[in-house]
Amino acid sequence: MPATAQTSSMAYIPSPAPDPTAAMLDRVSAVVRSDLAPLVKAIDEDHFYPADVLHKLGDAGAYASHVTALNGGRLDLAASIKAMSIVGRECLSTAFCVWCQSTFAWYADNTENAALRERYAAAGGSGRQLGGTGLSNPMKAFFEIEKVRLKGTRVAGGYVVRGMLPWVSNLGPDHVFGTIFETDDPTPRRVMVMIPCNHPGVSIVPTGEHLALDGTGTYSVQIRDAFLGDDLVLADPAEPYVKKVRQGFILLQMGMAFGVIRGCIDIQRQMQPSLGHVNKFLDDQPDELEAALETAEAECWELAQSPLDESGGRWRRTLEARLRGADLSLRAAQAAMLFSGARGYVEAGAAQRRLREAYFVAIVTPATKQLKKMLADLEAAGA
């Protein structure tokens, strides 16, 4: 009789599908190790702007996860924040450039100007087109801290804009940035635009030296009666659009905070073999900071699931999360400095660099004082 075919009792178990976010974060980590780490000293001390690294991070996908134009409509803000934190763990200056780039792509991806979205969303999210954000002054103006510095006059086909922005980062001659001007109409309104740095009437001028983060392509932008056509308008009026993108704008900044905090915890742990016997008497031990960081991250990941939804008090929670990120950055940086002692106090010490970087997390717009004002305004309004 012919042999009877035997049916295997082993069921076929398919291999799990590869995790695209994990693969992207691995690629980002590889760029940080091979390309960024050797440049940190030059970035911090010699004001070197790492454009090539930013392009490579774009190739790795660091700016792409929250850009629906690159993901078939899918939005994963948390993945972009995690990528930024990997960069910030090594160098906050570069993480700040990553935030500028990610925000530039966020603006382009969320405009209703289809031609402008087509021009810049995928290019920004992939890192092919580098760009920044000039919203420091407008963000303060929205909350009555400053007046809008740029003024525009409506003409046929666009606006003629003039004024000066003192600090805009992640810029260069071939870069682009988003900003807001106010019309000089009897009833002024605010308009958000995307401006190429090489646009006629636009010039970028190096700023004076700062305490840190001078390797970030930071310039003063001077605009002298530049014609900005309607093809460059992100939103007119700007207010509804800004309300749409503001939560993502702020949540993305958490990547900077998480990165510098982890970098500071790394320094604390590095000091333990030689100084642990005395460092144990200090406040803010690394395990305690790690636990606080994980709590902050969990809140951020939950908020990042719906960055376009401000219902249920999510806007307040976003502001509170950003404030905690700044406070925890300062705590962690001080702890790293104290754990290092004199080793951190020398000019080449990693701890003193982290301390300077952490102060930036607390003063970049929206700064700690602005966040507290915004929360107080919400409280006064009963929101």
Protein backbone atom coordinates (compact mmCIF):
# COMPACT_ATOMS: atom_id res chain seq x y z
CA MET A 1 0.00 0.00 0.00
CA PRO A 2 1.24 3.51 -0.71
CA ALA A 3 2.65 5.40 2.24
CA THR A 4 0.17 7.65 3.93
CA ALA A 5 1.18 11.30 4.00
CA GLN A 6 1.79 12.49 7.51
CA THR A 7 0.45 15.88 8.57
CA SER A 8 2.88 17.78 10.74
CA SER A 9 1.63 18.64 14.21
CA MET A 10 3.74 21.81 14.14
CA ALA A 11 1.60 24.79 13.12
CA TYR A 12 3.30 27.45 11.01
CA ILE A 13 4.03 30.54 13.08
CA PRO A 14 4.91 33.53 10.93
CA SER A 15 7.78 35.73 11.99
CA PRO A 16 6.66 39.02 13.53
CA ALA A 17 6.63 41.93 11.13
CA PRO A 18 9.59 44.25 11.61
CA ASP A 19 8.83 47.32 13.70
CA PRO A 20 9.40 50.34 11.41
CA THR A 21 9.77 52.75 14.36
CA ALA A 22 12.39 50.58 16.06
CA ALA A 23 14.27 50.27 12.76
CA MET A 24 14.18 54.05 12.29
CA LEU A 25 15.45 54.67 15.83
CA ASP A 26 18.27 52.18 15.23
CA ARG A 27 19.26 54.09 12.09
CA VAL A 28 19.19 57.39 13.98
CA SER A 29 21.34 55.89 16.74
CA ALA A 30 23.86 54.72 14.15
CA VAL A 31 24.15 58.23 12.66
CA VAL A 32 24.58 59.70 16.14
CA ARG A 33 27.39 57.28 16.97
CA SER A 34 29.26 57.46 13.68
CA ASP A 35 28.70 61.02 12.50
CA LEU A 36 27.49 63.23 15.35
CA ALA A 37 29.51 62.09 18.38
CA PRO A 38 32.90 63.02 16.85
CA LEU A 39 31.62 66.56 16.13
CA VAL A 40 30.11 67.50 19.50
CA LYS A 41 33.17 69.44 20.67
CA ALA A 42 33.36 71.41 17.42
CA ILE A 43 29.61 72.10 17.53
CA ASP A 44 29.76 73.39 21.10
CA GLU A 45 33.08 75.23 21.09
CA ASP A 46 33.68 76.18 17.44
CA HIS A 47 30.05 76.88 16.50
CA PHE A 48 30.13 74.25 13.78
CA TYR A 49 26.75 73.73 12.10
CA PRO A 50 26.40 70.01 11.23
CA ALA A 51 24.41 70.25 8.00
CA ASP A 52 25.68 66.91 6.69
CA VAL A 53 24.59 65.17 9.90
CA LEU A 54 21.14 66.73 9.60
CA HIS A 55 20.81 65.40 6.05
CA LYS A 56 21.90 61.94 7.22
CA LEU A 57 19.38 62.05 10.07
CA GLY A 58 16.78 62.85 7.46
CA ASP A 59 17.88 59.83 5.44
CA ALA A 60 17.47 57.77 8.63
CA GLY A 61 13.88 59.00 9.04
CA ALA A 62 14.32 61.24 12.06
CA TYR A 63 11.86 63.89 10.82
CA ALA A 64 9.43 61.75 8.87
CA SER A 65 7.13 59.91 11.28
CA HIS A 66 4.84 62.89 11.95
CA VAL A 67 4.65 63.99 8.30
CA THR A 68 1.54 62.43 6.79
CA ALA A 69 2.71 63.29 3.28
CA LEU A 70 5.43 60.65 3.74
CA ASN A 71 3.34 58.06 5.57
CA GLY A 72 0.13 57.63 3.63
CA GLY A 73 -1.75 59.85 6.05
CA ARG A 74 -0.37 58.16 9.18
CA LEU A 75 0.82 60.44 11.99
CA ASP A 76 3.27 59.22 14.67
CA LEU A 77 4.53 62.23 16.60
CA ALA A 78 5.95 60.08 19.40
CA ALA A 79 8.41 58.40 17.02
CA SER A 80 9.81 61.78 15.95
CA ILE A 81 10.15 62.84 19.59
CA LYS A 82 12.02 59.62 20.39
CA ALA A 83 14.38 60.18 17.45
CA MET A 84 15.09 63.70 18.67
CA SER A 85 15.80 62.45 22.19
CA ILE A 86 18.42 60.03 20.85
CA VAL A 87 20.18 62.98 19.22
CA GLY A 88 19.79 65.14 22.34
CA ARG A 89 21.32 62.47 24.55
CA GLU A 90 24.55 63.14 22.66
CA CYS A 91 24.21 66.84 21.71
CA LEU A 92 21.39 69.24 22.49
CA SER A 93 22.52 71.76 19.87
CA THR A 94 21.88 69.21 17.15
CA ALA A 95 18.65 68.08 18.81
CA PHE A 96 17.48 71.68 18.67
CA CYS A 97 18.20 71.70 14.93
CA VAL A 98 16.22 68.46 14.68
CA TRP A 99 13.32 70.15 16.46
CA CYS A 100 13.52 73.13 14.07
CA GLN A 101 13.56 70.76 11.10
CA SER A 102 10.72 68.64 12.44
CA THR A 103 8.64 71.74 13.13
CA PHE A 104 9.32 73.15 9.67
CA ALA A 105 8.00 69.88 8.19
CA TRP A 106 5.04 69.96 10.63
CA TYR A 107 4.06 73.42 9.36
CA ALA A 108 4.22 72.35 5.73
CA ASP A 109 2.30 69.13 6.31
CA ASN A 110 -0.60 70.92 8.00
CA THR A 111 -1.20 73.85 5.67
CA GLU A 112 -4.30 73.99 3.48
CA ASN A 113 -2.16 75.51 0.71
CA ALA A 114 -1.81 72.32 -1.33
CA ALA A 115 0.97 73.66 -3.56
CA LEU A 116 3.05 74.73 -0.57
CA ARG A 117 2.44 71.40 1.14
CA GLU A 118 3.55 69.60 -2.01
CA ARG A 119 6.65 71.76 -2.21
CA TYR A 120 7.91 71.43 1.37
CA ALA A 121 6.22 68.72 3.47
CA ALA A 122 7.96 65.65 2.05
CA ALA A 123 11.17 67.59 1.35
CA GLY A 124 11.29 68.80 4.95
CA GLY A 125 10.31 65.47 6.47
CA SER A 126 13.00 63.64 4.48
CA GLY A 127 15.69 66.20 5.26
CA ARG A 128 16.27 67.06 1.60
CA GLN A 129 15.22 70.65 2.33
CA LEU A 130 16.54 72.01 5.61
CA GLY A 131 14.53 74.64 7.42
CA GLY A 132 13.59 76.31 10.67
CA THR A 133 10.90 78.07 12.58
CA GLY A 134 10.64 81.81 13.20
CA LEU A 135 7.79 81.64 15.68
CA SER A 136 9.57 82.81 18.82
CA ASN A 137 8.34 86.39 18.46
CA PRO A 138 4.85 85.51 17.16
CA MET A 139 4.30 82.93 19.93
CA LYS A 140 5.08 85.62 22.48
CA ALA A 141 2.85 88.08 20.65
CA PHE A 142 -0.12 85.69 20.81
CA PHE A 143 0.14 85.84 24.60
CA GLU A 144 0.78 89.59 24.84
CA ILE A 145 4.44 89.34 25.82
CA GLU A 146 5.85 91.07 22.72
CA LYS A 147 4.53 92.83 19.64
CA VAL A 148 4.78 91.21 16.19
CA ARG A 149 8.07 92.34 14.63
CA LEU A 150 7.17 91.78 10.97
CA LYS A 151 4.65 93.98 9.15
CA GLY A 152 3.03 93.31 5.78
CA THR A 153 1.02 95.26 3.21
CA ARG A 154 -1.43 93.50 0.92
CA VAL A 155 -0.66 93.94 -2.80
CA ALA A 156 -1.77 92.11 -5.92
CA GLY A 157 -0.83 88.45 -5.61
CA GLY A 158 0.67 88.57 -2.13
CA TYR A 159 2.21 90.81 0.52
CA VAL A 160 5.14 93.18 0.85
CA VAL A 161 6.79 92.40 4.20
CA ARG A 162 9.35 94.28 6.26
CA GLY A 163 10.96 93.94 9.68
CA MET A 164 13.56 91.93 11.58
CA LEU A 165 13.57 88.70 13.60
CA PRO A 166 16.50 88.65 16.05
CA TRP A 167 16.95 84.86 16.33
CA VAL A 168 15.89 82.15 13.91
CA SER A 169 17.70 78.80 13.97
CA ASN A 170 18.55 75.96 11.60
CA LEU A 171 19.11 78.43 8.78
CA GLY A 172 21.55 78.79 5.92
CA PRO A 173 21.58 80.41 2.47
CA ASP A 174 19.47 77.62 0.94
CA HIS A 175 17.19 77.02 3.95
CA VAL A 176 13.53 77.92 4.53
CA PHE A 177 11.61 79.00 7.63
CA GLY A 178 8.05 79.64 8.74
CA THR A 179 7.00 82.83 10.49
CA ILE A 180 4.13 85.27 11.01
CA PHE A 181 3.68 88.92 10.10
CA GLU A 182 0.93 91.36 10.97
CA THR A 183 -0.83 93.39 8.29
CA ASP A 184 -0.85 97.16 8.48
CA ASP A 185 -4.57 97.32 7.71
CA PRO A 186 -6.81 99.50 9.91
CA THR A 187 -7.90 96.20 11.46
CA PRO A 188 -4.64 94.21 11.50
CA ARG A 189 -4.60 90.46 11.06
CA ARG A 190 -1.78 87.94 11.26
CA VAL A 191 -0.60 85.84 8.33
CA MET A 192 1.75 82.86 8.45
CA VAL A 193 4.19 82.32 5.60
CA MET A 194 7.11 80.14 4.54
CA ILE A 195 10.16 82.21 3.55
CA PRO A 196 13.25 80.96 1.67
CA CYS A 197 16.43 82.54 3.04
CA ASN A 198 17.60 83.37 -0.50
CA HIS A 199 14.34 85.13 -1.37
CA PRO A 200 14.76 88.66 -2.79
CA GLY A 201 14.67 91.21 0.02
CA VAL A 202 15.55 88.62 2.69
CA SER A 203 18.98 88.40 4.32
CA ILE A 204 20.36 86.41 7.23
CA VAL A 205 23.01 87.93 9.51
CA PRO A 206 25.09 86.07 12.14
CA THR A 207 24.13 86.89 15.71
CA GLY A 208 26.44 87.50 18.66
CA GLU A 209 27.80 84.58 20.64
CA HIS A 210 25.59 82.87 23.20
CA LEU A 211 26.22 80.78 26.28
CA ALA A 212 25.52 77.63 24.24
CA LEU A 213 23.92 76.40 21.02
CA ASP A 214 25.87 78.60 18.61
CA GLY A 215 26.37 75.59 16.32
CA THR A 216 22.70 75.69 15.33
CA GLY A 217 22.64 77.92 12.26
CA THR A 218 21.13 80.78 14.28
CA TYR A 219 20.80 84.12 12.48
CA SER A 220 19.06 87.44 12.64
CA VAL A 221 16.68 87.69 9.68
CA GLN A 222 16.25 91.08 8.00
CA ILE A 223 13.35 91.55 5.59
CA ARG A 224 13.34 94.71 3.50
CA ASP A 225 10.11 95.14 1.52
CA ALA A 226 10.19 91.55 0.31
CA PHE A 227 7.32 90.46 -1.91
CA LEU A 228 5.88 87.19 -0.58
CA GLY A 229 3.41 85.73 -3.03
CA ASP A 230 0.26 83.89 -2.05
CA ASP A 231 2.07 80.68 -2.99
CA LEU A 232 4.17 81.13 0.20
CA VAL A 233 1.21 81.66 2.55
CA LEU A 234 0.71 78.86 5.09
CA ALA A 235 -2.41 80.40 6.62
CA ASP A 236 -4.38 83.64 6.27
CA PRO A 237 -5.51 84.40 8.91
CA ALA A 238 -2.92 82.61 11.03
CA GLU A 239 -4.82 82.08 14.28
CA PRO A 240 -6.88 78.95 13.40
CA TYR A 241 -3.83 77.31 11.83
CA VAL A 242 -1.59 78.12 14.81
CA LYS A 243 -4.16 76.62 17.15
CA LYS A 244 -4.10 73.49 15.00
CA VAL A 245 -0.30 73.04 15.05
CA ARG A 246 0.61 74.46 18.47
CA GLN A 247 0.23 71.26 20.45
CA GLY A 248 2.55 69.36 18.10
CA PHE A 249 4.96 72.33 18.11
CA ILE A 250 5.31 72.08 21.90
CA LEU A 251 5.23 68.30 22.23
CA LEU A 252 8.07 67.98 19.73
CA GLN A 253 10.21 70.07 22.10
CA MET A 254 9.99 67.23 24.60
CA GLY A 255 12.58 65.38 22.52
CA MET A 256 15.14 67.99 23.52
CA ALA A 257 14.24 67.69 27.20
CA PHE A 258 14.26 63.89 27.24
CA GLY A 259 17.59 63.79 25.44
CA VAL A 260 19.44 66.14 27.76
CA ILE A 261 17.95 64.43 30.84
CA ARG A 262 19.18 61.01 29.68
CA GLY A 263 22.57 62.49 28.87
CA CYS A 264 22.80 63.88 32.40
CA ILE A 265 21.80 60.54 33.93
CA ASP A 266 24.56 58.95 31.83
CA ILE A 267 27.08 61.32 33.41
CA GLN A 268 25.82 60.49 36.91
CA ARG A 269 26.24 56.78 36.28
CA GLN A 270 29.73 57.32 34.83
CA MET A 271 30.76 59.00 38.08
CA GLN A 272 29.52 56.18 40.31
CA PRO A 273 32.58 53.87 40.21
CA SER A 274 34.93 56.55 41.51
CA LEU A 275 32.62 58.93 43.41
CA GLY A 276 29.59 56.82 44.32
CA HIS A 277 30.66 56.54 47.95
CA VAL A 278 30.17 60.30 48.41
CA ASN A 279 27.65 61.06 45.64
CA LYS A 280 25.12 58.90 47.48
CA PHE A 281 24.59 61.82 49.85
CA LEU A 282 23.37 64.12 47.06
CA ASP A 283 19.77 64.71 46.08
CA ASP A 284 18.44 63.56 42.70
CA GLN A 285 20.05 60.17 42.40
CA PRO A 286 20.10 58.64 38.89
CA ASP A 287 17.43 56.02 39.65
CA GLU A 288 15.12 58.74 40.97
CA LEU A 289 15.65 60.90 37.88
CA GLU A 290 15.14 57.86 35.64
CA ALA A 291 11.78 57.17 37.30
CA ALA A 292 10.70 60.81 36.93
CA LEU A 293 11.77 60.76 33.29
CA GLU A 294 9.79 57.60 32.55
CA THR A 295 6.69 59.19 34.08
CA ALA A 296 7.17 62.31 31.93
CA GLU A 297 7.69 60.18 28.83
CA ALA A 298 4.54 58.17 29.46
CA GLU A 299 2.46 61.36 29.63
CA CYS A 300 4.11 62.67 26.46
CA TRP A 301 3.47 59.47 24.51
CA GLU A 302 -0.20 59.57 25.48
CA LEU A 303 -0.57 63.21 24.39
CA ALA A 304 1.38 62.56 21.18
CA GLN A 305 -1.22 60.02 20.06
CA SER A 306 -3.59 62.89 19.16
CA PRO A 307 -1.55 66.08 18.69
CA LEU A 308 -4.35 67.75 16.69
CA ASP A 309 -6.95 67.16 19.41
CA GLU A 310 -7.14 69.66 22.28
CA SER A 311 -10.35 68.30 23.82
CA GLY A 312 -10.56 67.11 27.40
CA GLY A 313 -7.93 69.49 28.74
CA ARG A 314 -5.17 68.18 26.46
CA TRP A 315 -3.83 71.67 25.75
CA ARG A 316 -3.38 72.33 29.48
CA ARG A 317 -1.76 68.92 29.91
CA THR A 318 0.62 69.68 27.04
CA LEU A 319 1.73 72.93 28.67
CA GLU A 320 2.16 71.21 32.03
CA ALA A 321 4.17 68.41 30.40
CA ARG A 322 6.47 70.88 28.67
CA LEU A 323 6.98 72.76 31.96
CA ARG A 324 7.87 69.54 33.78
CA GLY A 325 10.31 68.70 31.01
CA ALA A 326 12.13 72.00 31.50
CA ASP A 327 12.19 71.63 35.28
CA LEU A 328 13.45 68.06 35.10
CA SER A 329 16.15 69.09 32.61
CA LEU A 330 17.49 71.65 35.08
CA ARG A 331 17.35 69.16 37.96
CA ALA A 332 19.18 66.52 35.96
CA ALA A 333 21.84 68.93 34.72
CA GLN A 334 22.53 70.23 38.21
CA ALA A 335 22.72 66.67 39.48
CA ALA A 336 25.21 65.74 36.73
CA MET A 337 27.33 68.77 37.63
CA LEU A 338 27.34 67.99 41.34
CA PHE A 339 28.04 64.30 40.74
CA SER A 340 31.02 65.28 38.56
CA GLY A 341 32.46 67.81 40.97
CA ALA A 342 35.63 69.48 39.71
CA ARG A 343 35.69 67.15 36.69
CA GLY A 344 32.53 68.81 35.44
CA TYR A 345 33.72 72.32 36.19
CA VAL A 346 36.59 72.34 33.70
CA GLU A 347 36.00 73.94 30.30
CA ALA A 348 36.01 70.63 28.46
CA GLY A 349 33.79 68.89 31.02
CA ALA A 350 30.64 67.26 29.70
CA ALA A 351 28.62 68.25 32.76
CA GLN A 352 29.10 71.99 32.29
CA ARG A 353 27.99 71.65 28.66
CA ARG A 354 24.87 69.81 29.78
CA LEU A 355 24.14 72.53 32.34
CA ARG A 356 24.30 75.21 29.65
CA GLU A 357 22.15 73.10 27.35
CA ALA A 358 19.51 72.49 30.03
CA TYR A 359 19.10 76.20 30.60
CA PHE A 360 18.22 76.47 26.92
CA VAL A 361 15.40 73.94 27.32
CA ALA A 362 14.01 76.25 30.02
CA ILE A 363 14.27 79.48 27.99
CA VAL A 364 13.46 78.43 24.41
CA THR A 365 9.99 79.65 23.41
CA PRO A 366 7.73 78.92 25.16
CA ALA A 367 10.07 79.53 28.09
CA THR A 368 9.31 78.49 31.65
CA LYS A 369 7.97 81.94 32.49
CA GLN A 370 5.76 81.99 29.39
CA LEU A 371 4.43 78.52 30.13
CA LYS A 372 3.51 79.64 33.64
CA LYS A 373 1.78 82.71 32.24
CA MET A 374 -0.14 80.60 29.71
CA LEU A 375 -1.28 78.23 32.46
CA ALA A 376 -2.30 81.18 34.64
CA ASP A 377 -4.29 82.64 31.74
CA LEU A 378 -6.10 79.32 31.31
CA GLU A 379 -6.85 79.23 35.01
CA ALA A 380 -8.20 82.80 34.92
CA ALA A 381 -10.40 81.91 31.94
CA GLY A 382 -11.72 78.84 33.72
CA ALA A 383 -10.33 76.59 30.99
